[in-house]
Amino acid sequence: MTHLLDAPGGPKRVLDPGERIAEVLFGLIMVLTFTGSLSAAEAGREDIRAMLIGALGCNIAWGIIDGVLYLMGALHQRGSNLTVYRAVLGARDAARARRLIADALPAAIVAVLDPADFDRVHQRLKQLPEPPPRPQLTGSDWLGALGVFLLVFISIFPVAIPFIVMHDVTSAMRASNAIAVAMMFMAGVAYGRAVGWSPWAVGVFMVVLGSALVAMTIALGG
């Protein structure tokens, strides 16, 4: 039987909008560090081929790393939930149980609850089936890790396509940069909508931020 604590924070999307946008931006920045290092005047087809292979390999590696970090984060969240749950069950008095429950809830929700509400939550927690002895990953976690990998990996292709289909390096670089700017802007617009800020302003800011991060990465030899 699935226990309530099997899901960190309860039912949710495998990846929330903020996570999806962050992974796309991360993949974009990684591939742009490769495309941005090309010299339009000096690069030949072999240079472009080497760049594409390097960018592909880098995004695959970082997609795997990001997926593993996602799993580690999910496991940590489940472990924290399990610790709080056991602490609430082991509380010696109602006041301590209330404090533990309140600490695990958002402040806005705590503000509208009274002691009787906390006591009801405490009693309901006591009626839950016995949780696993240690936190465990679920199918949703593995799907999330796969989603993280795919987002980082797939983000290379729109930026790389001009170098594959166009023979003129200068034209390919311009097209690739235009696609990258458009993707960063759209990611910013989506992020702005997700957090309740001006989508257009966040879109412009994301282009500026992404460009600055790419320039910094290239300057530092990344």
N, C-alpha and C. Protein backbone atom coordinates (compact mmCIF):
# COMPACT_ATOMS: atom_id res chain seq x y z
N MET A 1 0.84 -1.20 0.00
CA MET A 1 0.00 0.00 0.00
C MET A 1 0.88 1.25 0.00
N THR A 2 0.57 2.21 -0.85
CA THR A 2 1.36 3.43 -0.93
C THR A 2 1.09 4.31 0.28
N HIS A 3 2.13 4.79 0.89
CA HIS A 3 2.01 5.65 2.05
C HIS A 3 1.98 7.10 1.61
N LEU A 4 1.32 7.95 2.40
CA LEU A 4 1.23 9.37 2.09
C LEU A 4 2.60 9.99 1.89
N LEU A 5 3.59 9.53 2.64
CA LEU A 5 4.92 10.12 2.57
C LEU A 5 5.68 9.70 1.33
N ASP A 6 5.14 8.80 0.53
CA ASP A 6 5.82 8.38 -0.69
C ASP A 6 5.93 9.52 -1.69
N ALA A 7 5.06 10.52 -1.57
CA ALA A 7 5.08 11.65 -2.51
C ALA A 7 5.52 12.90 -1.77
N PRO A 8 6.65 13.49 -2.14
CA PRO A 8 7.10 14.70 -1.47
C PRO A 8 6.18 15.86 -1.76
N GLY A 9 5.48 16.35 -0.74
CA GLY A 9 4.58 17.46 -0.92
C GLY A 9 3.24 17.06 -1.51
N GLY A 10 2.93 15.79 -1.64
CA GLY A 10 1.66 15.36 -2.15
C GLY A 10 1.68 15.27 -3.68
N PRO A 11 0.52 14.97 -4.30
CA PRO A 11 0.46 14.82 -5.74
C PRO A 11 0.93 16.09 -6.46
N LYS A 12 1.75 15.96 -7.49
CA LYS A 12 2.27 17.09 -8.24
C LYS A 12 2.71 16.61 -9.61
N ARG A 13 2.99 17.56 -10.47
CA ARG A 13 3.55 17.21 -11.75
C ARG A 13 4.94 16.61 -11.56
N VAL A 14 5.33 15.79 -12.52
CA VAL A 14 6.66 15.20 -12.44
C VAL A 14 7.71 16.30 -12.39
N LEU A 15 7.58 17.32 -13.24
CA LEU A 15 8.43 18.51 -13.19
C LEU A 15 7.53 19.73 -13.24
N ASP A 16 7.70 20.64 -12.27
CA ASP A 16 6.87 21.84 -12.30
C ASP A 16 7.42 22.82 -13.34
N PRO A 17 6.64 23.86 -13.69
CA PRO A 17 7.08 24.77 -14.75
C PRO A 17 8.46 25.38 -14.49
N GLY A 18 8.73 25.77 -13.26
CA GLY A 18 10.02 26.36 -12.94
C GLY A 18 11.18 25.41 -13.21
N GLU A 19 10.99 24.14 -12.87
CA GLU A 19 12.04 23.14 -13.12
C GLU A 19 12.25 22.92 -14.60
N ARG A 20 11.17 22.85 -15.37
CA ARG A 20 11.31 22.64 -16.81
C ARG A 20 12.03 23.81 -17.47
N ILE A 21 11.66 25.02 -17.10
CA ILE A 21 12.29 26.20 -17.68
C ILE A 21 13.77 26.24 -17.32
N ALA A 22 14.09 25.94 -16.07
CA ALA A 22 15.49 25.96 -15.62
C ALA A 22 16.33 24.96 -16.40
N GLU A 23 15.79 23.77 -16.65
CA GLU A 23 16.56 22.76 -17.37
C GLU A 23 16.78 23.16 -18.83
N VAL A 24 15.78 23.75 -19.46
CA VAL A 24 15.94 24.21 -20.84
C VAL A 24 17.01 25.29 -20.91
N LEU A 25 16.96 26.24 -19.98
CA LEU A 25 17.95 27.31 -19.96
C LEU A 25 19.35 26.75 -19.72
N PHE A 26 19.44 25.79 -18.84
CA PHE A 26 20.74 25.19 -18.55
C PHE A 26 21.30 24.53 -19.81
N GLY A 27 20.48 23.77 -20.50
CA GLY A 27 20.92 23.13 -21.74
C GLY A 27 21.32 24.15 -22.78
N LEU A 28 20.55 25.24 -22.89
CA LEU A 28 20.87 26.30 -23.85
C LEU A 28 22.23 26.93 -23.56
N ILE A 29 22.46 27.25 -22.29
CA ILE A 29 23.72 27.88 -21.91
C ILE A 29 24.89 26.96 -22.23
N MET A 30 24.71 25.67 -21.97
CA MET A 30 25.80 24.73 -22.25
C MET A 30 26.14 24.69 -23.74
N VAL A 31 25.12 24.60 -24.60
CA VAL A 31 25.40 24.50 -26.03
C VAL A 31 25.91 25.82 -26.59
N LEU A 32 25.47 26.95 -26.01
CA LEU A 32 25.92 28.25 -26.50
C LEU A 32 27.39 28.51 -26.16
N THR A 33 27.87 27.86 -25.11
CA THR A 33 29.30 28.01 -24.82
C THR A 33 30.16 27.39 -25.93
N PHE A 34 29.58 26.43 -26.65
CA PHE A 34 30.30 25.81 -27.77
C PHE A 34 30.12 26.63 -29.04
N THR A 35 28.86 26.97 -29.36
CA THR A 35 28.62 27.72 -30.59
C THR A 35 29.23 29.12 -30.52
N GLY A 36 29.25 29.69 -29.32
CA GLY A 36 29.80 31.03 -29.16
C GLY A 36 31.31 31.09 -29.26
N SER A 37 31.94 29.94 -29.14
CA SER A 37 33.40 29.92 -29.22
C SER A 37 33.91 29.78 -30.65
N LEU A 38 33.00 29.58 -31.61
CA LEU A 38 33.41 29.46 -33.02
C LEU A 38 33.79 30.81 -33.61
N SER A 39 34.73 30.81 -34.48
CA SER A 39 35.10 32.01 -35.23
C SER A 39 34.53 31.89 -36.64
N ALA A 40 33.63 32.80 -36.99
CA ALA A 40 32.99 32.73 -38.31
C ALA A 40 34.01 32.86 -39.43
N ALA A 41 35.09 33.57 -39.18
CA ALA A 41 36.08 33.80 -40.23
C ALA A 41 37.01 32.61 -40.42
N GLU A 42 37.19 31.81 -39.37
CA GLU A 42 38.19 30.75 -39.42
C GLU A 42 37.61 29.34 -39.38
N ALA A 43 36.38 29.18 -38.91
CA ALA A 43 35.82 27.85 -38.71
C ALA A 43 35.51 27.17 -40.04
N GLY A 44 35.90 25.91 -40.15
CA GLY A 44 35.56 25.09 -41.32
C GLY A 44 34.59 24.00 -40.91
N ARG A 45 34.28 23.11 -41.86
CA ARG A 45 33.31 22.05 -41.57
C ARG A 45 33.81 21.12 -40.48
N GLU A 46 35.11 20.86 -40.44
CA GLU A 46 35.65 20.00 -39.39
C GLU A 46 35.52 20.65 -38.03
N ASP A 47 35.73 21.98 -37.98
CA ASP A 47 35.57 22.70 -36.71
C ASP A 47 34.12 22.63 -36.24
N ILE A 48 33.19 22.78 -37.17
CA ILE A 48 31.77 22.73 -36.82
C ILE A 48 31.40 21.32 -36.34
N ARG A 49 31.91 20.32 -37.03
CA ARG A 49 31.64 18.93 -36.63
C ARG A 49 32.17 18.67 -35.22
N ALA A 50 33.38 19.12 -34.95
CA ALA A 50 33.95 18.93 -33.62
C ALA A 50 33.13 19.68 -32.57
N MET A 51 32.65 20.89 -32.92
CA MET A 51 31.84 21.66 -31.99
C MET A 51 30.54 20.96 -31.67
N LEU A 52 29.88 20.43 -32.71
CA LEU A 52 28.60 19.75 -32.50
C LEU A 52 28.77 18.50 -31.66
N ILE A 53 29.83 17.73 -31.92
CA ILE A 53 30.08 16.52 -31.13
C ILE A 53 30.37 16.89 -29.67
N GLY A 54 31.17 17.95 -29.48
CA GLY A 54 31.47 18.39 -28.13
C GLY A 54 30.24 18.87 -27.40
N ALA A 55 29.39 19.66 -28.07
CA ALA A 55 28.17 20.17 -27.45
C ALA A 55 27.21 19.03 -27.10
N LEU A 56 27.09 18.07 -28.02
CA LEU A 56 26.21 16.92 -27.77
C LEU A 56 26.70 16.12 -26.57
N GLY A 57 28.01 15.83 -26.56
CA GLY A 57 28.55 15.06 -25.44
C GLY A 57 28.42 15.78 -24.12
N CYS A 58 28.64 17.09 -24.14
CA CYS A 58 28.53 17.89 -22.91
C CYS A 58 27.10 17.88 -22.38
N ASN A 59 26.13 18.08 -23.26
CA ASN A 59 24.74 18.10 -22.80
C ASN A 59 24.27 16.73 -22.34
N ILE A 60 24.76 15.66 -22.96
CA ILE A 60 24.43 14.32 -22.48
C ILE A 60 24.98 14.12 -21.07
N ALA A 61 26.25 14.51 -20.89
CA ALA A 61 26.87 14.33 -19.57
C ALA A 61 26.16 15.14 -18.51
N TRP A 62 25.87 16.41 -18.82
CA TRP A 62 25.22 17.24 -17.82
C TRP A 62 23.75 16.86 -17.63
N GLY A 63 23.13 16.32 -18.65
CA GLY A 63 21.76 15.82 -18.47
C GLY A 63 21.72 14.67 -17.49
N ILE A 64 22.71 13.77 -17.60
CA ILE A 64 22.80 12.64 -16.67
C ILE A 64 23.08 13.15 -15.25
N ILE A 65 24.03 14.07 -15.15
CA ILE A 65 24.37 14.62 -13.83
C ILE A 65 23.17 15.31 -13.21
N ASP A 66 22.45 16.13 -13.99
CA ASP A 66 21.28 16.82 -13.47
C ASP A 66 20.19 15.83 -13.04
N GLY A 67 20.05 14.74 -13.82
CA GLY A 67 19.06 13.72 -13.46
C GLY A 67 19.40 13.05 -12.14
N VAL A 68 20.69 12.76 -11.94
CA VAL A 68 21.12 12.15 -10.67
C VAL A 68 20.89 13.12 -9.52
N LEU A 69 21.19 14.40 -9.72
CA LEU A 69 20.98 15.39 -8.67
C LEU A 69 19.49 15.53 -8.36
N TYR A 70 18.65 15.40 -9.39
CA TYR A 70 17.20 15.44 -9.16
C TYR A 70 16.77 14.28 -8.26
N LEU A 71 17.30 13.09 -8.53
CA LEU A 71 16.96 11.93 -7.70
C LEU A 71 17.45 12.12 -6.26
N MET A 72 18.65 12.69 -6.12
CA MET A 72 19.17 12.94 -4.78
C MET A 72 18.28 13.93 -4.02
N GLY A 73 17.81 14.96 -4.73
CA GLY A 73 16.92 15.92 -4.10
C GLY A 73 15.60 15.30 -3.68
N ALA A 74 15.05 14.44 -4.54
CA ALA A 74 13.79 13.77 -4.21
C ALA A 74 13.95 12.86 -3.00
N LEU A 75 15.08 12.14 -2.95
CA LEU A 75 15.33 11.24 -1.82
C LEU A 75 15.50 12.04 -0.52
N HIS A 76 16.18 13.17 -0.62
CA HIS A 76 16.35 14.02 0.56
C HIS A 76 15.01 14.54 1.06
N GLN A 77 14.14 14.95 0.12
CA GLN A 77 12.83 15.46 0.51
C GLN A 77 12.00 14.38 1.21
N ARG A 78 12.06 13.17 0.70
CA ARG A 78 11.32 12.07 1.33
C ARG A 78 11.89 11.76 2.71
N GLY A 79 13.21 11.82 2.81
CA GLY A 79 13.82 11.58 4.12
C GLY A 79 13.41 12.64 5.13
N SER A 80 13.33 13.89 4.70
CA SER A 80 12.89 14.98 5.58
C SER A 80 11.44 14.78 6.00
N ASN A 81 10.60 14.39 5.03
CA ASN A 81 9.19 14.12 5.36
C ASN A 81 9.06 13.00 6.39
N LEU A 82 9.85 11.96 6.20
CA LEU A 82 9.80 10.82 7.11
C LEU A 82 10.27 11.21 8.50
N THR A 83 11.30 12.05 8.59
CA THR A 83 11.80 12.50 9.88
C THR A 83 10.75 13.31 10.63
N VAL A 84 10.10 14.23 9.91
CA VAL A 84 9.05 15.05 10.53
C VAL A 84 7.88 14.18 10.97
N TYR A 85 7.50 13.24 10.13
CA TYR A 85 6.37 12.36 10.45
C TYR A 85 6.64 11.56 11.72
N ARG A 86 7.81 10.99 11.82
CA ARG A 86 8.15 10.20 13.01
C ARG A 86 8.26 11.07 14.25
N ALA A 87 8.75 12.30 14.07
CA ALA A 87 8.85 13.22 15.21
C ALA A 87 7.47 13.59 15.72
N VAL A 88 6.51 13.80 14.80
CA VAL A 88 5.15 14.13 15.21
C VAL A 88 4.52 12.96 15.96
N LEU A 89 4.71 11.74 15.43
CA LEU A 89 4.15 10.57 16.10
C LEU A 89 4.78 10.35 17.47
N GLY A 90 6.05 10.71 17.61
CA GLY A 90 6.74 10.50 18.88
C GLY A 90 6.64 11.65 19.85
N ALA A 91 5.90 12.71 19.47
CA ALA A 91 5.77 13.87 20.35
C ALA A 91 5.10 13.46 21.67
N ARG A 92 5.67 13.93 22.78
CA ARG A 92 5.16 13.54 24.11
C ARG A 92 3.93 14.34 24.53
N ASP A 93 3.73 15.47 23.93
CA ASP A 93 2.55 16.27 24.27
C ASP A 93 2.00 16.94 23.02
N ALA A 94 0.76 17.41 23.10
CA ALA A 94 0.07 17.99 21.95
C ALA A 94 0.75 19.27 21.47
N ALA A 95 1.29 20.04 22.43
CA ALA A 95 1.91 21.31 22.05
C ALA A 95 3.11 21.09 21.14
N ARG A 96 3.94 20.09 21.44
CA ARG A 96 5.10 19.82 20.60
C ARG A 96 4.66 19.30 19.23
N ALA A 97 3.63 18.46 19.20
CA ALA A 97 3.12 17.96 17.93
C ALA A 97 2.63 19.11 17.06
N ARG A 98 1.96 20.08 17.70
CA ARG A 98 1.47 21.24 16.94
C ARG A 98 2.63 22.03 16.36
N ARG A 99 3.68 22.22 17.14
CA ARG A 99 4.84 22.99 16.66
C ARG A 99 5.49 22.29 15.47
N LEU A 100 5.64 20.97 15.56
CA LEU A 100 6.27 20.22 14.48
C LEU A 100 5.43 20.29 13.20
N ILE A 101 4.12 20.16 13.34
CA ILE A 101 3.23 20.24 12.18
C ILE A 101 3.27 21.63 11.58
N ALA A 102 3.26 22.65 12.44
CA ALA A 102 3.30 24.04 11.97
C ALA A 102 4.59 24.33 11.22
N ASP A 103 5.70 23.79 11.71
CA ASP A 103 7.00 24.02 11.04
C ASP A 103 7.04 23.39 9.65
N ALA A 104 6.23 22.34 9.44
CA ALA A 104 6.23 21.65 8.15
C ALA A 104 5.26 22.27 7.15
N LEU A 105 4.47 23.26 7.57
CA LEU A 105 3.46 23.87 6.71
C LEU A 105 3.86 25.29 6.32
N PRO A 106 3.38 25.79 5.19
CA PRO A 106 3.61 27.19 4.83
C PRO A 106 3.01 28.14 5.86
N ALA A 107 3.68 29.26 6.09
CA ALA A 107 3.24 30.21 7.12
C ALA A 107 1.82 30.71 6.86
N ALA A 108 1.44 30.90 5.59
CA ALA A 108 0.11 31.40 5.27
C ALA A 108 -0.98 30.43 5.71
N ILE A 109 -0.69 29.12 5.64
CA ILE A 109 -1.67 28.12 6.07
C ILE A 109 -1.70 28.03 7.60
N VAL A 110 -0.53 28.08 8.22
CA VAL A 110 -0.45 28.02 9.69
C VAL A 110 -1.25 29.16 10.31
N ALA A 111 -1.22 30.34 9.66
CA ALA A 111 -1.87 31.52 10.22
C ALA A 111 -3.39 31.36 10.34
N VAL A 112 -3.99 30.49 9.54
CA VAL A 112 -5.46 30.36 9.57
C VAL A 112 -5.91 29.11 10.31
N LEU A 113 -4.98 28.36 10.90
CA LEU A 113 -5.34 27.16 11.64
C LEU A 113 -5.35 27.44 13.13
N ASP A 114 -6.23 26.76 13.85
CA ASP A 114 -6.25 26.89 15.30
C ASP A 114 -5.76 25.58 15.92
N PRO A 115 -5.53 25.55 17.24
CA PRO A 115 -5.01 24.33 17.88
C PRO A 115 -5.82 23.07 17.57
N ALA A 116 -7.13 23.21 17.47
CA ALA A 116 -7.96 22.03 17.19
C ALA A 116 -7.65 21.46 15.81
N ASP A 117 -7.35 22.33 14.85
CA ASP A 117 -7.00 21.86 13.50
C ASP A 117 -5.71 21.04 13.54
N PHE A 118 -4.72 21.53 14.28
CA PHE A 118 -3.46 20.79 14.40
C PHE A 118 -3.67 19.45 15.09
N ASP A 119 -4.55 19.45 16.09
CA ASP A 119 -4.82 18.20 16.80
C ASP A 119 -5.48 17.18 15.89
N ARG A 120 -6.37 17.65 15.01
CA ARG A 120 -7.03 16.74 14.07
C ARG A 120 -6.00 16.17 13.09
N VAL A 121 -5.09 17.02 12.62
CA VAL A 121 -4.03 16.53 11.73
C VAL A 121 -3.18 15.49 12.44
N HIS A 122 -2.86 15.75 13.71
CA HIS A 122 -2.07 14.81 14.51
C HIS A 122 -2.75 13.44 14.60
N GLN A 123 -4.05 13.47 14.86
CA GLN A 123 -4.79 12.21 14.98
C GLN A 123 -4.86 11.48 13.65
N ARG A 124 -5.02 12.23 12.56
CA ARG A 124 -5.07 11.59 11.25
C ARG A 124 -3.73 10.96 10.90
N LEU A 125 -2.65 11.61 11.27
CA LEU A 125 -1.32 11.05 11.00
C LEU A 125 -1.12 9.74 11.74
N LYS A 126 -1.68 9.63 12.93
CA LYS A 126 -1.56 8.40 13.71
C LYS A 126 -2.29 7.23 13.05
N GLN A 127 -3.28 7.56 12.20
CA GLN A 127 -4.06 6.51 11.56
C GLN A 127 -3.45 6.04 10.23
N LEU A 128 -2.39 6.69 9.77
CA LEU A 128 -1.76 6.29 8.52
C LEU A 128 -1.07 4.94 8.67
N PRO A 129 -0.96 4.20 7.56
CA PRO A 129 -0.22 2.94 7.64
C PRO A 129 1.25 3.20 7.96
N GLU A 130 1.91 2.19 8.45
CA GLU A 130 3.32 2.31 8.84
C GLU A 130 4.16 2.69 7.61
N PRO A 131 4.98 3.74 7.72
CA PRO A 131 5.80 4.16 6.59
C PRO A 131 6.98 3.22 6.41
N PRO A 132 7.67 3.29 5.27
CA PRO A 132 8.86 2.45 5.07
C PRO A 132 9.94 2.85 6.07
N PRO A 133 10.84 1.93 6.40
CA PRO A 133 11.89 2.24 7.37
C PRO A 133 12.86 3.30 6.88
N ARG A 134 12.98 3.47 5.58
CA ARG A 134 13.88 4.48 5.02
C ARG A 134 13.24 5.05 3.76
N PRO A 135 13.62 6.27 3.37
CA PRO A 135 13.01 6.87 2.16
C PRO A 135 13.34 6.06 0.91
N GLN A 136 12.40 6.02 0.00
CA GLN A 136 12.57 5.26 -1.24
C GLN A 136 12.16 6.10 -2.43
N LEU A 137 12.81 5.87 -3.54
CA LEU A 137 12.44 6.54 -4.79
C LEU A 137 11.26 5.82 -5.43
N THR A 138 10.42 6.58 -6.11
CA THR A 138 9.24 6.02 -6.77
C THR A 138 9.37 6.18 -8.29
N GLY A 139 8.42 5.60 -8.99
CA GLY A 139 8.41 5.72 -10.44
C GLY A 139 8.34 7.17 -10.89
N SER A 140 7.61 8.01 -10.14
CA SER A 140 7.51 9.42 -10.48
C SER A 140 8.87 10.11 -10.41
N ASP A 141 9.69 9.72 -9.44
CA ASP A 141 11.04 10.29 -9.33
C ASP A 141 11.88 9.94 -10.54
N TRP A 142 11.82 8.68 -10.96
CA TRP A 142 12.60 8.26 -12.13
C TRP A 142 12.12 8.95 -13.40
N LEU A 143 10.80 9.16 -13.50
CA LEU A 143 10.27 9.90 -14.65
C LEU A 143 10.77 11.34 -14.62
N GLY A 144 10.81 11.94 -13.43
CA GLY A 144 11.31 13.29 -13.30
C GLY A 144 12.77 13.39 -13.72
N ALA A 145 13.58 12.41 -13.29
CA ALA A 145 15.00 12.40 -13.67
C ALA A 145 15.16 12.25 -15.18
N LEU A 146 14.32 11.39 -15.78
CA LEU A 146 14.36 11.22 -17.23
C LEU A 146 13.96 12.53 -17.92
N GLY A 147 12.94 13.20 -17.38
CA GLY A 147 12.51 14.47 -17.94
C GLY A 147 13.61 15.52 -17.88
N VAL A 148 14.33 15.56 -16.77
CA VAL A 148 15.46 16.48 -16.63
C VAL A 148 16.51 16.21 -17.70
N PHE A 149 16.86 14.94 -17.86
CA PHE A 149 17.86 14.58 -18.88
C PHE A 149 17.40 14.99 -20.27
N LEU A 150 16.16 14.67 -20.62
CA LEU A 150 15.67 14.96 -21.96
C LEU A 150 15.62 16.46 -22.24
N LEU A 151 15.23 17.25 -21.24
CA LEU A 151 15.17 18.69 -21.44
C LEU A 151 16.55 19.28 -21.72
N VAL A 152 17.54 18.84 -20.95
CA VAL A 152 18.90 19.33 -21.17
C VAL A 152 19.42 18.84 -22.52
N PHE A 153 19.15 17.59 -22.84
CA PHE A 153 19.66 16.99 -24.07
C PHE A 153 19.00 17.59 -25.31
N ILE A 154 17.68 17.69 -25.30
CA ILE A 154 16.95 18.14 -26.49
C ILE A 154 17.20 19.62 -26.79
N SER A 155 17.50 20.39 -25.74
CA SER A 155 17.67 21.83 -25.95
C SER A 155 18.82 22.16 -26.89
N ILE A 156 19.70 21.21 -27.16
CA ILE A 156 20.83 21.46 -28.08
C ILE A 156 20.37 21.55 -29.52
N PHE A 157 19.33 20.83 -29.89
CA PHE A 157 19.02 20.65 -31.31
C PHE A 157 18.54 21.92 -32.02
N PRO A 158 17.62 22.72 -31.45
CA PRO A 158 17.22 23.93 -32.19
C PRO A 158 18.40 24.86 -32.48
N VAL A 159 19.34 24.95 -31.54
CA VAL A 159 20.49 25.84 -31.72
C VAL A 159 21.51 25.23 -32.68
N ALA A 160 21.59 23.92 -32.72
CA ALA A 160 22.60 23.25 -33.55
C ALA A 160 22.14 23.05 -34.99
N ILE A 161 20.84 23.01 -35.24
CA ILE A 161 20.33 22.71 -36.59
C ILE A 161 20.90 23.63 -37.67
N PRO A 162 20.99 24.96 -37.44
CA PRO A 162 21.56 25.80 -38.52
C PRO A 162 22.95 25.37 -38.95
N PHE A 163 23.77 24.88 -38.04
CA PHE A 163 25.12 24.44 -38.41
C PHE A 163 25.09 23.14 -39.22
N ILE A 164 24.00 22.40 -39.11
CA ILE A 164 23.87 21.14 -39.84
C ILE A 164 23.35 21.37 -41.25
N VAL A 165 22.40 22.30 -41.40
CA VAL A 165 21.73 22.47 -42.70
C VAL A 165 22.27 23.62 -43.52
N MET A 166 23.05 24.51 -42.91
CA MET A 166 23.58 25.67 -43.62
C MET A 166 25.10 25.54 -43.80
N HIS A 167 25.59 25.84 -44.97
CA HIS A 167 27.02 25.69 -45.27
C HIS A 167 27.82 26.94 -44.90
N ASP A 168 27.19 28.08 -44.97
CA ASP A 168 27.88 29.32 -44.63
C ASP A 168 27.93 29.48 -43.11
N VAL A 169 29.13 29.53 -42.55
CA VAL A 169 29.28 29.56 -41.09
C VAL A 169 28.69 30.83 -40.49
N THR A 170 28.91 31.97 -41.15
CA THR A 170 28.39 33.23 -40.62
C THR A 170 26.87 33.21 -40.55
N SER A 171 26.23 32.74 -41.62
CA SER A 171 24.77 32.67 -41.64
C SER A 171 24.26 31.69 -40.59
N ALA A 172 24.96 30.56 -40.44
CA ALA A 172 24.56 29.56 -39.46
C ALA A 172 24.67 30.12 -38.04
N MET A 173 25.73 30.88 -37.78
CA MET A 173 25.89 31.46 -36.45
C MET A 173 24.80 32.47 -36.16
N ARG A 174 24.46 33.29 -37.15
CA ARG A 174 23.40 34.27 -36.94
C ARG A 174 22.06 33.59 -36.69
N ALA A 175 21.75 32.58 -37.49
CA ALA A 175 20.49 31.85 -37.30
C ALA A 175 20.46 31.15 -35.96
N SER A 176 21.58 30.52 -35.59
CA SER A 176 21.66 29.82 -34.31
C SER A 176 21.47 30.78 -33.15
N ASN A 177 22.13 31.94 -33.21
CA ASN A 177 22.00 32.92 -32.13
C ASN A 177 20.57 33.46 -32.04
N ALA A 178 19.94 33.66 -33.20
CA ALA A 178 18.56 34.15 -33.21
C ALA A 178 17.62 33.14 -32.56
N ILE A 179 17.83 31.86 -32.87
CA ILE A 179 17.01 30.80 -32.26
C ILE A 179 17.25 30.76 -30.75
N ALA A 180 18.50 30.88 -30.33
CA ALA A 180 18.83 30.84 -28.90
C ALA A 180 18.17 32.01 -28.17
N VAL A 181 18.25 33.20 -28.75
CA VAL A 181 17.63 34.37 -28.13
C VAL A 181 16.11 34.17 -28.02
N ALA A 182 15.50 33.65 -29.10
CA ALA A 182 14.05 33.41 -29.09
C ALA A 182 13.68 32.40 -28.01
N MET A 183 14.48 31.34 -27.87
CA MET A 183 14.19 30.32 -26.86
C MET A 183 14.33 30.88 -25.45
N MET A 184 15.39 31.68 -25.21
CA MET A 184 15.56 32.28 -23.90
C MET A 184 14.41 33.24 -23.58
N PHE A 185 13.99 34.00 -24.60
CA PHE A 185 12.88 34.93 -24.39
C PHE A 185 11.59 34.18 -24.05
N MET A 186 11.30 33.12 -24.81
CA MET A 186 10.08 32.35 -24.54
C MET A 186 10.14 31.68 -23.16
N ALA A 187 11.33 31.21 -22.78
CA ALA A 187 11.47 30.63 -21.44
C ALA A 187 11.21 31.68 -20.38
N GLY A 188 11.71 32.90 -20.61
CA GLY A 188 11.47 33.99 -19.66
C GLY A 188 10.01 34.36 -19.57
N VAL A 189 9.33 34.40 -20.71
CA VAL A 189 7.89 34.69 -20.72
C VAL A 189 7.13 33.63 -19.91
N ALA A 190 7.47 32.36 -20.14
CA ALA A 190 6.80 31.28 -19.40
C ALA A 190 7.09 31.38 -17.91
N TYR A 191 8.33 31.71 -17.57
CA TYR A 191 8.68 31.83 -16.15
C TYR A 191 7.95 33.01 -15.51
N GLY A 192 7.87 34.12 -16.24
CA GLY A 192 7.15 35.28 -15.72
C GLY A 192 5.69 34.96 -15.43
N ARG A 193 5.07 34.22 -16.32
CA ARG A 193 3.67 33.82 -16.09
C ARG A 193 3.56 32.89 -14.89
N ALA A 194 4.55 32.00 -14.73
CA ALA A 194 4.49 31.04 -13.62
C ALA A 194 4.62 31.71 -12.26
N VAL A 195 5.41 32.79 -12.19
CA VAL A 195 5.64 33.45 -10.90
C VAL A 195 4.78 34.70 -10.71
N GLY A 196 3.98 35.06 -11.72
CA GLY A 196 3.09 36.20 -11.59
C GLY A 196 3.74 37.54 -11.87
N TRP A 197 4.88 37.55 -12.58
CA TRP A 197 5.54 38.80 -12.97
C TRP A 197 5.21 39.12 -14.42
N SER A 198 5.65 40.28 -14.89
CA SER A 198 5.41 40.67 -16.27
C SER A 198 6.14 39.71 -17.21
N PRO A 199 5.42 38.94 -18.02
CA PRO A 199 6.08 37.97 -18.91
C PRO A 199 7.08 38.61 -19.86
N TRP A 200 6.74 39.78 -20.42
CA TRP A 200 7.63 40.41 -21.39
C TRP A 200 8.91 40.90 -20.70
N ALA A 201 8.76 41.50 -19.53
CA ALA A 201 9.94 42.00 -18.82
C ALA A 201 10.86 40.85 -18.42
N VAL A 202 10.27 39.76 -17.93
CA VAL A 202 11.08 38.62 -17.54
C VAL A 202 11.72 37.97 -18.76
N GLY A 203 11.00 37.99 -19.89
CA GLY A 203 11.56 37.45 -21.13
C GLY A 203 12.82 38.20 -21.54
N VAL A 204 12.75 39.53 -21.51
CA VAL A 204 13.93 40.34 -21.86
C VAL A 204 15.05 40.11 -20.86
N PHE A 205 14.69 40.07 -19.58
CA PHE A 205 15.71 39.84 -18.54
C PHE A 205 16.38 38.49 -18.73
N MET A 206 15.61 37.47 -19.12
CA MET A 206 16.18 36.14 -19.31
C MET A 206 17.17 36.13 -20.47
N VAL A 207 16.88 36.89 -21.52
CA VAL A 207 17.82 36.98 -22.64
C VAL A 207 19.12 37.63 -22.18
N VAL A 208 19.00 38.71 -21.41
CA VAL A 208 20.19 39.41 -20.92
C VAL A 208 20.98 38.51 -19.97
N LEU A 209 20.26 37.85 -19.05
CA LEU A 209 20.92 36.98 -18.08
C LEU A 209 21.60 35.80 -18.77
N GLY A 210 20.88 35.16 -19.69
CA GLY A 210 21.45 34.01 -20.40
C GLY A 210 22.67 34.41 -21.21
N SER A 211 22.60 35.54 -21.89
CA SER A 211 23.74 36.00 -22.68
C SER A 211 24.93 36.30 -21.79
N ALA A 212 24.68 36.92 -20.63
CA ALA A 212 25.77 37.23 -19.70
C ALA A 212 26.41 35.96 -19.16
N LEU A 213 25.58 34.96 -18.84
CA LEU A 213 26.12 33.71 -18.32
C LEU A 213 26.95 32.98 -19.38
N VAL A 214 26.49 33.01 -20.62
CA VAL A 214 27.25 32.38 -21.70
C VAL A 214 28.59 33.09 -21.88
N ALA A 215 28.56 34.43 -21.91
CA ALA A 215 29.81 35.19 -22.08
C ALA A 215 30.78 34.91 -20.93
N MET A 216 30.24 34.85 -19.71
CA MET A 216 31.09 34.58 -18.55
C MET A 216 31.71 33.18 -18.64
N THR A 217 30.88 32.21 -19.04
CA THR A 217 31.36 30.84 -19.15
C THR A 217 32.48 30.72 -20.19
N ILE A 218 32.28 31.38 -21.35
CA ILE A 218 33.30 31.33 -22.41
C ILE A 218 34.58 32.04 -21.94
N ALA A 219 34.41 33.18 -21.26
CA ALA A 219 35.57 33.94 -20.79
C ALA A 219 36.38 33.15 -19.77
N LEU A 220 35.71 32.33 -18.98
CA LEU A 220 36.41 31.54 -17.96
C LEU A 220 36.90 30.21 -18.51
N GLY A 221 36.70 29.98 -19.80
CA GLY A 221 37.19 28.75 -20.42
C GLY A 221 36.27 27.57 -20.27
N GLY A 222 34.98 27.82 -19.94
CA GLY A 222 34.03 26.73 -19.73
C GLY A 222 33.54 26.11 -21.02
